[in-house]
C-alpha atoms as a PDB file:
ATOM      1  CA  MET A   1       5.963 134.733  82.081  1.00  0.00           C
ATOM      2  CA  ASN A   2       5.774 130.993  81.456  1.00  0.00           C
ATOM      3  CA  SER A   3       6.757 129.181  84.654  1.00  0.00           C
ATOM      4  CA  ALA A   4       7.455 126.043  82.595  1.00  0.00           C
ATOM      5  CA  PHE A   5      10.823 127.454  81.567  1.00  0.00           C
ATOM      6  CA  THR A   6      13.664 125.621  83.286  1.00  0.00           C
ATOM      7  CA  TYR A   7      16.784 127.507  82.172  1.00  0.00           C
ATOM      8  CA  VAL A   8      18.054 130.696  80.597  1.00  0.00           C
ATOM      9  CA  LEU A   9      20.621 130.101  77.835  1.00  0.00           C
ATOM     10  CA  ILE A  10      22.886 132.858  76.496  1.00  0.00           C
ATOM     11  CA  TYR A  11      25.526 132.437  73.809  1.00  0.00           C
ATOM     12  CA  GLU A  12      26.922 133.951  70.625  1.00  0.00           C
ATOM     13  CA  ARG A  13      26.800 132.587  67.102  1.00  0.00           C
ATOM     14  CA  GLY A  14      28.865 134.377  64.506  1.00  0.00           C
ATOM     15  CA  TYR A  15      29.445 137.020  67.213  1.00  0.00           C
ATOM     16  CA  ASN A  16      25.703 137.708  67.345  1.00  0.00           C
ATOM     17  CA  GLY A  17      24.234 137.414  70.832  1.00  0.00           C
ATOM     18  CA  LYS A  18      21.431 134.923  71.460  1.00  0.00           C
ATOM     19  CA  ALA A  19      19.205 134.494  74.517  1.00  0.00           C
ATOM     20  CA  PHE A  20      16.612 131.762  74.989  1.00  0.00           C
ATOM     21  CA  TYR A  21      14.357 130.302  77.614  1.00  0.00           C
ATOM     22  CA  VAL A  22      14.810 126.527  77.760  1.00  0.00           C
ATOM     23  CA  ASP A  23      12.128 124.066  78.805  1.00  0.00           C
ATOM     24  CA  GLU A  24      12.564 120.649  80.430  1.00  0.00           C
ATOM     25  CA  ASN A  25      12.954 118.990  77.014  1.00  0.00           C
ATOM     26  CA  PHE A  26      15.464 121.613  75.822  1.00  0.00           C
ATOM     27  CA  GLY A  27      12.984 123.342  73.569  1.00  0.00           C
ATOM     28  CA  LEU A  28      14.055 126.945  72.938  1.00  0.00           C
ATOM     29  CA  THR A  29      11.917 130.086  73.191  1.00  0.00           C
ATOM     30  CA  PRO A  30      13.609 133.389  72.217  1.00  0.00           C
ATOM     31  CA  VAL A  31      13.849 135.952  74.996  1.00  0.00           C
ATOM     32  CA  GLN A  32      11.985 139.145  74.154  1.00  0.00           C
ATOM     33  CA  SER A  33      14.297 141.968  75.175  1.00  0.00           C
ATOM     34  CA  ASN A  34      15.145 145.508  74.125  1.00  0.00           C
ATOM     35  CA  ILE A  35      18.877 144.950  74.569  1.00  0.00           C
ATOM     36  CA  SER A  36      21.353 143.243  72.303  1.00  0.00           C
ATOM     37  CA  PHE A  37      23.260 140.342  73.829  1.00  0.00           C
ATOM     38  CA  SER A  38      26.140 140.757  71.368  1.00  0.00           C
ATOM     39  CA  GLY A  39      29.346 141.661  73.162  1.00  0.00           C
ATOM     40  CA  LEU A  40      27.902 140.976  76.607  1.00  0.00           C
ATOM     41  CA  THR A  41      29.938 138.608  78.787  1.00  0.00           C
ATOM     42  CA  PRO A  42      27.833 136.816  81.427  1.00  0.00           C
ATOM     43  CA  LEU A  43      29.339 136.959  84.910  1.00  0.00           C
ATOM     44  CA  GLY A  44      26.786 135.058  86.951  1.00  0.00           C
ATOM     45  CA  TRP A  45      23.144 134.469  87.817  1.00  0.00           C
ATOM     46  CA  SER A  46      21.556 135.011  91.224  1.00  0.00           C
ATOM     47  CA  HIS A  47      17.986 135.530  92.492  1.00  0.00           C
ATOM     48  CA  GLY A  48      16.605 135.869  88.972  1.00  0.00           C
ATOM     49  CA  LEU A  49      19.216 138.419  87.851  1.00  0.00           C
ATOM     50  CA  CYS A  50      21.970 137.970  85.303  1.00  0.00           C
ATOM     51  CA  GLY A  51      25.111 140.087  85.576  1.00  0.00           C
ATOM     52  CA  PHE A  52      27.137 140.991  82.465  1.00  0.00           C
ATOM     53  CA  SER A  53      30.265 142.936  81.660  1.00  0.00           C
ATOM     54  CA  PHE A  54      30.324 145.049  78.514  1.00  0.00           C
ATOM     55  CA  GLY A  55      32.955 146.956  76.596  1.00  0.00           C
ATOM     56  CA  PRO A  56      36.688 146.392  76.094  1.00  0.00           C
ATOM     57  CA  ILE A  57      37.337 150.153  75.963  1.00  0.00           C
ATOM     58  CA  VAL A  58      37.905 151.469  79.448  1.00  0.00           C
ATOM     59  CA  ARG A  59      35.830 154.614  79.241  1.00  0.00           C
ATOM     60  CA  HIS A  60      32.928 152.455  78.065  1.00  0.00           C
ATOM     61  CA  PHE A  61      33.570 149.537  80.432  1.00  0.00           C
ATOM     62  CA  MET A  62      30.431 148.806  82.409  1.00  0.00           C
ATOM     63  CA  PHE A  63      28.369 146.101  84.006  1.00  0.00           C
ATOM     64  CA  LEU A  64      24.753 145.361  83.246  1.00  0.00           C
ATOM     65  CA  LEU A  65      22.077 143.762  85.426  1.00  0.00           C
ATOM     66  CA  TRP A  66      19.220 142.116  83.541  1.00  0.00           C
ATOM     67  CA  ASN A  67      15.955 140.671  84.835  1.00  0.00           C
ATOM     68  CA  PRO A  68      14.030 138.828  82.105  1.00  0.00           C
ATOM     69  CA  THR A  69      10.956 138.487  84.329  1.00  0.00           C
ATOM     70  CA  VAL A  70      10.270 142.235  84.520  1.00  0.00           C
ATOM     71  CA  HIS A  71      11.965 143.024  81.171  1.00  0.00           C
ATOM     72  CA  LYS A  72      14.357 145.536  82.684  1.00  0.00           C
ATOM     73  CA  SER A  73      18.098 146.151  82.659  1.00  0.00           C
ATOM     74  CA  VAL A  74      20.242 148.503  84.735  1.00  0.00           C
ATOM     75  CA  GLY A  75      23.881 149.396  84.091  1.00  0.00           C
ATOM     76  CA  ALA A  76      26.706 151.253  85.779  1.00  0.00           C
ATOM     77  CA  TYR A  77      30.025 152.404  84.415  1.00  0.00           C
ATOM     78  CA  VAL A  78      33.125 150.955  86.057  1.00  0.00           C
ATOM     79  CA  PRO A  79      35.391 153.676  87.503  1.00  0.00           C
ATOM     80  CA  TYR A  80      39.083 154.124  86.782  1.00  0.00           C
ATOM     81  CA  ASP A  81      41.174 156.543  88.814  1.00  0.00           C
ATOM     82  CA  THR A  82      43.908 156.946  86.176  1.00  0.00           C
ATOM     83  CA  LEU A  83      44.372 156.218  82.500  1.00  0.00           C
ATOM     84  CA  GLY A  84      47.140 153.774  83.388  1.00  0.00           C
ATOM     85  CA  GLN A  85      44.620 151.473  85.056  1.00  0.00           C
ATOM     86  CA  GLU A  86      43.398 150.550  81.583  1.00  0.00           C
ATOM     87  CA  TYR A  87      46.222 148.034  81.400  1.00  0.00           C
ATOM     88  CA  GLU A  88      45.822 146.459  84.814  1.00  0.00           C
ATOM     89  CA  LYS A  89      44.495 142.946  85.093  1.00  0.00           C
ATOM     90  CA  ARG A  90      40.926 143.206  86.278  1.00  0.00           C
ATOM     91  CA  LEU A  91      37.725 141.250  86.656  1.00  0.00           C
ATOM     92  CA  LEU A  92      34.166 141.881  87.733  1.00  0.00           C
ATOM     93  CA  GLY A  93      32.232 139.776  90.213  1.00  0.00           C
ATOM     94  CA  PHE A  94      28.471 139.671  90.686  1.00  0.00           C
ATOM     95  CA  GLY A  95      26.123 138.541  93.436  1.00  0.00           C
ATOM     96  CA  VAL A  96      22.904 139.369  95.258  1.00  0.00           C
ATOM     97  CA  ARG A  97      23.066 139.842  99.020  1.00  0.00           C
ATOM     98  CA  PRO A  98      20.741 137.236 100.566  1.00  0.00           C
ATOM     99  CA  ASN A  99      19.751 139.368 103.573  1.00  0.00           C
ATOM    100  CA  ASN A 100      18.255 142.289 101.613  1.00  0.00           C
ATOM    101  CA  LEU A 101      18.337 141.133  97.950  1.00  0.00           C
ATOM    102  CA  ASP A 102      20.621 144.026  97.029  1.00  0.00           C
ATOM    103  CA  PRO A 103      22.614 143.356  93.809  1.00  0.00           C
ATOM    104  CA  LEU A 104      26.356 143.852  94.270  1.00  0.00           C
ATOM    105  CA  ILE A 105      29.208 144.232  91.777  1.00  0.00           C
ATOM    106  CA  LEU A 106      32.927 143.931  92.502  1.00  0.00           C
ATOM    107  CA  LYS A 107      35.712 145.447  90.437  1.00  0.00           C
ATOM    108  CA  ILE A 108      38.906 143.606  91.359  1.00  0.00           C
ATOM    109  CA  ALA A 109      42.169 144.991  89.955  1.00  0.00           C
ATOM    110  CA  PHE A 110      45.699 143.644  90.289  1.00  0.00           C
ATOM    111  CA  PRO A 111      48.566 146.162  89.919  1.00  0.00           C
ATOM    112  CA  PHE A 112      51.586 145.629  87.711  1.00  0.00           C
ATOM    113  CA  ASP A 113      53.875 145.456  90.730  1.00  0.00           C
ATOM    114  CA  PRO A 114      53.154 142.104  92.447  1.00  0.00           C
ATOM    115  CA  LYS A 115      54.274 143.634  95.743  1.00  0.00           C
ATOM    116  CA  GLU A 116      51.419 146.138  95.677  1.00  0.00           C
ATOM    117  CA  PRO A 117      48.010 145.241  97.193  1.00  0.00           C
ATOM    118  CA  TRP A 118      44.826 144.566  95.302  1.00  0.00           C
ATOM    119  CA  SER A 119      42.435 147.384  94.517  1.00  0.00           C
ATOM    120  CA  VAL A 120      38.776 146.435  95.015  1.00  0.00           C
ATOM    121  CA  LYS A 121      35.761 148.656  94.483  1.00  0.00           C
ATOM    122  CA  MET A 122      32.218 147.600  95.342  1.00  0.00           C
ATOM    123  CA  PHE A 123      28.923 148.839  93.905  1.00  0.00           C
ATOM    124  CA  THR A 124      25.535 148.111  95.445  1.00  0.00           C
ATOM    125  CA  LEU A 125      22.386 148.959  93.555  1.00  0.00           C
ATOM    126  CA  SER A 126      20.771 150.413  96.684  1.00  0.00           C
ATOM    127  CA  SER A 127      23.590 152.955  97.118  1.00  0.00           C
ATOM    128  CA  ARG A 128      24.251 153.512  93.386  1.00  0.00           C
ATOM    129  CA  VAL A 129      27.842 154.445  94.203  1.00  0.00           C
ATOM    130  CA  TRP A 130      31.224 152.718  94.153  1.00  0.00           C
ATOM    131  CA  ARG A 131      33.273 152.503  97.328  1.00  0.00           C
ATOM    132  CA  SER A 132      36.693 151.023  97.974  1.00  0.00           C
ATOM    133  CA  LEU A 133      37.244 148.050 100.248  1.00  0.00           C
ATOM    134  CA  GLY A 134      40.002 148.448 102.816  1.00  0.00           C
ATOM    135  CA  ASN A 135      43.027 146.177 102.793  1.00  0.00           C
ATOM    136  CA  GLU A 136      41.712 144.370 105.871  1.00  0.00           C
ATOM    137  CA  TYR A 137      38.963 142.878 103.687  1.00  0.00           C
ATOM    138  CA  LEU A 138      41.344 141.716 100.962  1.00  0.00           C
ATOM    139  CA  LEU A 139      43.718 138.815 100.450  1.00  0.00           C
ATOM    140  CA  PRO A 140      47.516 139.119 100.583  1.00  0.00           C
ATOM    141  CA  HIS A 141      48.926 140.674  97.421  1.00  0.00           C
ATOM    142  CA  THR A 142      50.510 137.365  96.334  1.00  0.00           C
ATOM    143  CA  PHE A 143      47.110 135.865  95.449  1.00  0.00           C
ATOM    144  CA  ARG A 144      45.371 136.214  92.105  1.00  0.00           C
ATOM    145  CA  ILE A 145      41.956 135.196  90.738  1.00  0.00           C
ATOM    146  CA  LYS A 146      41.231 133.453  87.440  1.00  0.00           C
ATOM    147  CA  LYS A 147      38.373 135.336  85.819  1.00  0.00           C
ATOM    148  CA  ALA A 148      37.152 132.561  83.513  1.00  0.00           C
ATOM    149  CA  THR A 149      34.188 131.612  85.723  1.00  0.00           C
ATOM    150  CA  GLN A 150      32.538 132.431  89.032  1.00  0.00           C
ATOM    151  CA  ALA A 151      29.993 130.482  91.066  1.00  0.00           C
ATOM    152  CA  ASN A 152      27.253 131.852  93.329  1.00  0.00           C
ATOM    153  CA  VAL A 153      26.456 129.604  96.289  1.00  0.00           C
ATOM    154  CA  ARG A 154      24.293 130.994  99.094  1.00  0.00           C
ATOM    155  CA  ARG A 155      26.112 134.031 100.580  1.00  0.00           C
ATOM    156  CA  HIS A 156      29.376 133.522  98.688  1.00  0.00           C
ATOM    157  CA  ILE A 157      30.946 134.116  95.288  1.00  0.00           C
ATOM    158  CA  TYR A 158      33.656 131.589  94.391  1.00  0.00           C
ATOM    159  CA  TRP A 159      36.507 131.670  91.876  1.00  0.00           C
ATOM    160  CA  CYS A 160      39.554 129.618  90.981  1.00  0.00           C
ATOM    161  CA  GLY A 161      42.594 131.349  92.444  1.00  0.00           C
ATOM    162  CA  TYR A 162      46.295 130.822  92.933  1.00  0.00           C
ATOM    163  CA  GLU A 163      49.340 132.054  94.793  1.00  0.00           C
ATOM    164  CA  LYS A 164      52.526 132.514  92.804  1.00  0.00           C
ATOM    165  CA  PHE A 165      55.926 131.531  94.194  1.00  0.00           C
ATOM    166  CA  VAL A 166      59.474 131.933  92.907  1.00  0.00           C
ATOM    167  CA  GLY A 167      61.967 129.166  93.599  1.00  0.00           C
ATOM    168  CA  ASN A 168      65.625 129.533  94.516  1.00  0.00           C
ATOM    169  CA  ASP A 169      66.555 128.842  90.905  1.00  0.00           C
ATOM    170  CA  GLY A 170      64.373 131.712  89.675  1.00  0.00           C
ATOM    171  CA  SER A 171      61.617 129.498  88.320  1.00  0.00           C
ATOM    172  CA  SER A 172      58.022 130.283  89.274  1.00  0.00           C
ATOM    173  CA  TYR A 173      55.099 128.034  90.086  1.00  0.00           C
ATOM    174  CA  LYS A 174      51.488 128.428  91.179  1.00  0.00           C
ATOM    175  CA  SER A 175      49.684 126.911  94.131  1.00  0.00           C
ATOM    176  CA  TYR A 176      45.969 126.723  93.315  1.00  0.00           C
ATOM    177  CA  VAL A 177      43.218 127.541  95.806  1.00  0.00           C
ATOM    178  CA  ILE A 178      39.556 128.527  95.838  1.00  0.00           C
ATOM    179  CA  VAL A 179      38.861 132.201  96.522  1.00  0.00           C
ATOM    180  CA  SER A 180      35.566 133.236  98.125  1.00  0.00           C
ATOM    181  CA  PHE A 181      33.849 136.553  98.760  1.00  0.00           C
ATOM    182  CA  ASP A 182      31.260 136.847 101.523  1.00  0.00           C
ATOM    183  CA  LEU A 183      28.317 138.973 100.364  1.00  0.00           C
ATOM    184  CA  LEU A 184      27.387 139.802 103.972  1.00  0.00           C
ATOM    185  CA  SER A 185      30.750 140.609 105.573  1.00  0.00           C
ATOM    186  CA  PHE A 186      32.392 141.856 102.319  1.00  0.00           C
ATOM    187  CA  ARG A 187      35.510 139.793 103.061  1.00  0.00           C
ATOM    188  CA  PHE A 188      37.623 137.700 100.741  1.00  0.00           C
ATOM    189  CA  GLN A 189      38.858 134.360 102.020  1.00  0.00           C
ATOM    190  CA  ILE A 190      41.061 131.513 100.849  1.00  0.00           C
ATOM    191  CA  VAL A 191      39.534 128.038 100.782  1.00  0.00           C
ATOM    192  CA  ASN A 192      42.496 125.692 100.826  1.00  0.00           C
ATOM    193  CA  ILE A 193      42.215 122.509  98.789  1.00  0.00           C
ATOM    194  CA  PRO A 194      43.373 119.310 100.543  1.00  0.00           C
ATOM    195  CA  ASP A 195      46.530 117.916  98.956  1.00  0.00           C
ATOM    196  CA  HIS A 196      44.963 114.550  98.110  1.00  0.00           C
ATOM    197  CA  LEU A 197      42.179 116.377  96.224  1.00  0.00           C
ATOM    198  CA  LEU A 198      44.454 118.950  94.620  1.00  0.00           C
ATOM    199  CA  ARG A 199      46.579 116.177  93.092  1.00  0.00           C
ATOM    200  CA  GLN A 200      43.495 114.918  91.224  1.00  0.00           C
ATOM    201  CA  LEU A 201      42.120 118.246  89.992  1.00  0.00           C
ATOM    202  CA  PRO A 202      42.607 119.819  86.565  1.00  0.00           C
ATOM    203  CA  LEU A 203      44.642 123.007  86.956  1.00  0.00           C
ATOM    204  CA  PRO A 204      43.443 125.627  86.474  1.00  0.00           C
ATOM    205  CA  PHE A 205      39.808 124.611  86.960  1.00  0.00           C
ATOM    206  CA  TYR A 206      36.395 126.084  86.233  1.00  0.00           C
ATOM    207  CA  VAL A 207      33.799 126.650  88.945  1.00  0.00           C
ATOM    208  CA  THR A 208      30.026 126.370  88.881  1.00  0.00           C
ATOM    209  CA  SER A 209      27.422 125.042  91.296  1.00  0.00           C
ATOM    210  CA  ILE A 210      24.903 122.259  91.743  1.00  0.00           C
ATOM    211  CA  GLY A 211      22.315 122.985  94.400  1.00  0.00           C
ATOM    212  CA  ASP A 212      24.187 124.383  97.412  1.00  0.00           C
ATOM    213  CA  ASN A 213      27.467 122.719  96.479  1.00  0.00           C
ATOM    214  CA  LEU A 214      30.443 124.110  94.617  1.00  0.00           C
ATOM    215  CA  VAL A 215      31.550 122.243  91.495  1.00  0.00           C
ATOM    216  CA  VAL A 216      35.050 122.313  90.010  1.00  0.00           C
ATOM    217  CA  SER A 217      35.764 120.854  86.594  1.00  0.00           C
ATOM    218  CA  GLY A 218      38.252 120.845  83.764  1.00  0.00           C
ATOM    219  CA  ASN A 219      40.584 118.809  81.609  1.00  0.00           C
ATOM    220  CA  ILE A 220      43.790 117.030  82.530  1.00  0.00           C
ATOM    221  CA  GLN A 221      45.975 116.900  79.433  1.00  0.00           C
ATOM    222  CA  GLY A 222      47.569 113.535  78.687  1.00  0.00           C
ATOM    223  CA  ASP A 223      49.957 112.427  75.965  1.00  0.00           C
ATOM    224  CA  ASP A 224      47.255 111.327  73.530  1.00  0.00           C
ATOM    225  CA  ASN A 225      44.019 112.778  74.894  1.00  0.00           C
ATOM    226  CA  CYS A 226      42.383 114.656  77.743  1.00  0.00           C
ATOM    227  CA  VAL A 227      40.687 113.405  80.854  1.00  0.00           C
ATOM    228  CA  PHE A 228      37.618 115.478  81.703  1.00  0.00           C
ATOM    229  CA  CYS A 229      36.567 115.414  85.337  1.00  0.00           C
ATOM    230  CA  ILE A 230      33.940 116.946  87.600  1.00  0.00           C
ATOM    231  CA  TRP A 231      34.197 117.205  91.384  1.00  0.00           C
ATOM    232  CA  VAL A 232      31.435 118.267  93.790  1.00  0.00           C
ATOM    233  CA  LEU A 233      32.591 120.055  96.958  1.00  0.00           C
ATOM    234  CA  SER A 234      30.787 120.844 100.200  1.00  0.00           C
ATOM    235  CA  ILE A 235      32.171 123.958 101.902  1.00  0.00           C
ATOM    236  CA  HIS A 236      31.258 124.992 105.434  1.00  0.00           C
ATOM    237  CA  GLY A 237      32.921 127.709 107.474  1.00  0.00           C
ATOM    238  CA  GLY A 238      35.502 128.310 104.765  1.00  0.00           C
ATOM    239  CA  THR A 239      36.626 124.670 104.769  1.00  0.00           C
ATOM    240  CA  ILE A 240      36.045 121.870 102.279  1.00  0.00           C
ATOM    241  CA  THR A 241      34.256 119.296 104.431  1.00  0.00           C
ATOM    242  CA  SER A 242      33.663 116.687 101.723  1.00  0.00           C
ATOM    243  CA  PHE A 243      34.289 116.122  98.027  1.00  0.00           C
ATOM    244  CA  THR A 244      33.031 113.598  95.498  1.00  0.00           C
ATOM    245  CA  ASN A 245      34.201 112.723  92.019  1.00  0.00           C
ATOM    246  CA  LEU A 246      31.054 112.966  89.889  1.00  0.00           C
ATOM    247  CA  LEU A 247      32.605 112.162  86.525  1.00  0.00           C
ATOM    248  CA  THR A 248      35.941 111.207  84.979  1.00  0.00           C
ATOM    249  CA  ILE A 249      35.974 110.373  81.266  1.00  0.00           C
ATOM    250  CA  PRO A 250      38.596 110.421  78.495  1.00  0.00           C
ATOM    251  CA  SER A 251      38.097 112.899  75.670  1.00  0.00           C
ATOM    252  CA  PRO A 252      40.051 113.524  72.454  1.00  0.00           C
ATOM    253  CA  ILE A 253      39.680 117.297  72.984  1.00  0.00           C
ATOM    254  CA  ALA A 254      39.196 119.642  75.923  1.00  0.00           C
ATOM    255  CA  VAL A 255      35.515 120.142  76.793  1.00  0.00           C
ATOM    256  CA  LYS A 256      33.748 122.472  79.218  1.00  0.00           C
ATOM    257  CA  LEU A 257      31.023 122.004  81.822  1.00  0.00           C
ATOM    258  CA  ILE A 258      28.468 124.828  81.657  1.00  0.00           C
ATOM    259  CA  GLY A 259      25.680 123.495  83.880  1.00  0.00           C
ATOM    260  CA  PHE A 260      23.510 120.601  85.018  1.00  0.00           C
ATOM    261  CA  HIS A 261      20.125 119.235  83.986  1.00  0.00           C
ATOM    262  CA  ASP A 262      17.877 118.272  86.914  1.00  0.00           C
ATOM    263  CA  ASN A 263      20.933 118.670  89.187  1.00  0.00           C
ATOM    264  CA  ILE A 264      22.189 115.351  87.825  1.00  0.00           C
ATOM    265  CA  ASP A 265      23.265 115.279  84.181  1.00  0.00           C
ATOM    266  CA  PRO A 266      26.134 117.568  83.072  1.00  0.00           C
ATOM    267  CA  ILE A 267      25.540 119.972  80.168  1.00  0.00           C
ATOM    268  CA  ILE A 268      28.811 120.082  78.262  1.00  0.00           C
ATOM    269  CA  GLU A 269      30.203 122.359  75.567  1.00  0.00           C
ATOM    270  CA  ILE A 270      32.182 120.388  72.982  1.00  0.00           C
ATOM    271  CA  PRO A 271      34.223 122.393  70.445  1.00  0.00           C
ATOM    272  CA  SER A 272      34.504 121.546  66.778  1.00  0.00           C
ATOM    273  CA  GLN A 273      37.815 120.358  65.363  1.00  0.00           C
ATOM    274  CA  GLU A 274      38.836 123.835  64.210  1.00  0.00           C
ATOM    275  CA  GLY A 275      37.935 125.191  67.659  1.00  0.00           C
ATOM    276  CA  PHE A 276      35.940 128.258  66.602  1.00  0.00           C
ATOM    277  CA  SER A 277      32.458 126.804  67.095  1.00  0.00           C
ATOM    278  CA  ALA A 278      31.001 124.412  69.648  1.00  0.00           C
ATOM    279  CA  SER A 279      27.888 122.342  70.325  1.00  0.00           C
ATOM    280  CA  LEU A 280      26.002 121.526  73.499  1.00  0.00           C
ATOM    281  CA  TYR A 281      25.621 117.943  74.677  1.00  0.00           C
ATOM    282  CA  LEU A 282      23.903 116.334  77.628  1.00  0.00           C
ATOM    283  CA  TYR A 283      25.862 113.598  79.373  1.00  0.00           C
ATOM    284  CA  ARG A 284      23.433 111.033  80.764  1.00  0.00           C
ATOM    285  CA  MET A 285      24.848 109.772  84.042  1.00  0.00           C
ATOM    286  CA  SER A 286      22.489 106.782  83.980  1.00  0.00           C
ATOM    287  CA  THR A 287      23.745 105.488  80.616  1.00  0.00           C
ATOM    288  CA  GLY A 288      27.203 107.022  80.311  1.00  0.00           C
ATOM    289  CA  GLY A 289      26.364 108.425  76.884  1.00  0.00           C
ATOM    290  CA  PHE A 290      26.288 111.837  75.210  1.00  0.00           C
ATOM    291  CA  GLU A 291      23.082 113.263  73.746  1.00  0.00           C
ATOM    292  CA  SER A 292      23.260 116.171  71.289  1.00  0.00           C
ATOM    293  CA  LEU A 293      20.999 119.115  72.149  1.00  0.00           C
ATOM    294  CA  GLY A 294      21.172 120.497  68.611  1.00  0.00           C
ATOM    295  CA  ILE A 295      22.515 123.873  69.773  1.00  0.00           C
ATOM    296  CA  GLU A 296      25.591 125.367  68.096  1.00  0.00           C
ATOM    297  CA  GLY A 297      27.419 128.616  68.781  1.00  0.00           C
ATOM    298  CA  ASP A 298      30.796 130.273  69.190  1.00  0.00           C
ATOM    299  CA  ALA A 299      33.219 128.277  71.310  1.00  0.00           C
ATOM    300  CA  GLY A 300      33.505 129.535  74.867  1.00  0.00           C
ATOM    301  CA  SER A 301      30.379 131.693  74.709  1.00  0.00           C
ATOM    302  CA  PHE A 302      27.762 129.387  76.273  1.00  0.00           C
ATOM    303  CA  PHE A 303      26.141 130.310  79.594  1.00  0.00           C
ATOM    304  CA  ILE A 304      23.173 128.457  81.083  1.00  0.00           C
ATOM    305  CA  ARG A 305      21.553 128.773  84.504  1.00  0.00           C
ATOM    306  CA  PRO A 306      18.337 127.554  86.145  1.00  0.00           C
ATOM    307  CA  PHE A 307      15.611 130.121  85.511  1.00  0.00           C
ATOM    308  CA  SER A 308      13.795 131.711  88.443  1.00  0.00           C
ATOM    309  CA  GLN A 309      11.275 134.531  88.411  1.00  0.00           C
ATOM    310  CA  SER A 310      12.095 137.710  90.312  1.00  0.00           C
ATOM    311  CA  ILE A 311      10.820 141.251  90.824  1.00  0.00           C
ATOM    312  CA  LEU A 312      14.296 142.730  91.353  1.00  0.00           C
ATOM    313  CA  LEU A 313      14.821 145.916  89.266  1.00  0.00           C
ATOM    314  CA  GLN A 314      11.043 146.430  89.150  1.00  0.00           C
ATOM    315  CA  SER A 315      11.348 149.908  90.706  1.00  0.00           C
ATOM    316  CA  HIS A 316      14.178 151.034  88.402  1.00  0.00           C
ATOM    317  CA  THR A 317      13.893 152.799  85.074  1.00  0.00           C
ATOM    318  CA  ASP A 318      14.628 150.392  82.254  1.00  0.00           C
ATOM    319  CA  MET A 319      18.103 150.760  80.684  1.00  0.00           C
ATOM    320  CA  VAL A 320      19.175 153.452  83.153  1.00  0.00           C
ATOM    321  CA  LYS A 321      22.956 153.779  83.544  1.00  0.00           C
ATOM    322  CA  TYR A 322      24.638 155.009  86.720  1.00  0.00           C
ATOM    323  CA  CYS A 323      28.084 156.431  87.554  1.00  0.00           C
ATOM    324  CA  GLU A 324      28.884 157.929  84.179  1.00  0.00           C
ATOM    325  CA  GLU A 325      30.422 160.905  85.968  1.00  0.00           C
ATOM    326  CA  LEU A 326      33.104 158.608  87.442  1.00  0.00           C
ATOM    327  CA  VAL A 327      34.459 157.384  84.126  1.00  0.00           C
ATOM    328  CA  TYR A 328      37.982 158.726  83.595  1.00  0.00           C
ATOM    329  CA  PRO A 329      37.892 161.632  86.061  1.00  0.00           C
ATOM    330  CA  GLY A 330      39.713 164.607  84.556  1.00  0.00           C
ATOM    331  CA  LEU A 331      39.616 163.230  81.025  1.00  0.00           C
ATOM    332  CA  VAL A 332      37.955 165.388  78.395  1.00  0.00           C
ATOM    333  CA  ARG A 333      35.351 163.055  76.993  1.00  0.00           C
ATOM    334  CA  VAL A 334      33.769 163.694  73.636  1.00  0.00           C
ATOM    335  CA  ASP A 335      31.080 161.057  74.033  1.00  0.00           C
ATOM    336  CA  THR A 336      30.791 158.352  76.650  1.00  0.00           C
ATOM    337  CA  ARG A 337      27.272 157.274  75.845  1.00  0.00           C
ATOM    338  CA  LEU A 338      26.889 153.543  75.553  1.00  0.00           C
ATOM    339  CA  ASN A 339      24.396 152.225  73.042  1.00  0.00           C
ATOM    340  CA  LEU A 340      23.410 148.677  73.876  1.00  0.00           C
ATOM    341  CA  GLY A 341      21.328 148.510  70.728  1.00  0.00           C
ATOM    342  CA  SER A 342      18.219 146.424  70.407  1.00  0.00           C
ATOM    343  CA  HIS A 343      17.644 142.691  70.312  1.00  0.00           C
END
C-alpha cells in the first residue's frame, strides 16, 4: 500500500460507483477491490475503515465495513422485528470504539407515533450480534436526527438533530441541536447550540470534522442567492466551548462541503445548473478563489476522507455476511442472498 495517498474518494457517476486513492496533488489512483461501490451509501470513516449502508429493500438492508488496506469487507444484515418497520424512518450510524478498536453500527428507528420512544439496536463486530439499547441510553422521543451526514470525532459520533414543537395555533416548528453518541458509554446526548451561534447557522446543517473539531456547514437561502458558511466548533464535556466562522461566501446555488485539504482548504461539491451532476472544487483560503479538481460525478454522491492504513478486519473472512438469520423473522424468504458484485 502506497503511504503517499492522502485521501480516499468515493462517488457515483451515471449511478456507477467509483473509488479512488487521492494523492497530495489530487492525482487519482483507482482502488483495487472485489466489491462494487454502486448503490453503496458511505456513512463514515474511522480508524482506516469505511462504513456503508446498502439496499433499499428491507430484507436486503445491510451495512458493510470496508478496509482498503487489507482488501477486505465484512457485512451484516440489519434486523427488523416486523414487516411494518419497513416504513419507519431509520438511519445507520458507524464508529470504531477507541478503547478496543471494535467497529460499531447503530440502527436508529423513529416510530410513526411521535409519542413513542426511539428504537435503537447496536452491533459490534466483536460480538457479531445486535442488541437493543434501553430507553435510559436514548434521547426523549421528541428529538429526531437528520441522516444526511455524520461526523466521527474521537469517542463520539455527531449528527444534526432537532426537536419538534407545536404552537398554540397548531403550527409546528423545529429547534435545531447537535446529537452525539458516546462510543464508550453507549449514550446519546444533546449538545445545545448557543442562541447567538444558532441565529447564524444554516438550518438544517451538515456535519463533518477537521482534526479534533466538529464542523457544521450549509447554505442560507436569500432572495437572489445563497450564502454558504462553515463554522468550526470545539466541544468538551457535551458543551460547545468555542466556535469560529471559517468561511462565509455568497453563491448563486447551494453548494456542499465534503472535506478539507491539509486541514485548511475546504473541498466543495458544486452542482451543475440542471442539478443532476456536480464537480469538486478546492477553495483556497489564502487567495479566496476556487480551483477545479477536474472530478465530476452524480450530485450528492461525493465522499472524501483522509486515508489511514489499518489492520482492522484482517482476521475476518473477506465478504462474510453476518446476521442473515435475523432478517424478517417469521417471513418465508425465497432468497435473501446479497450479491455485491465485483468492481
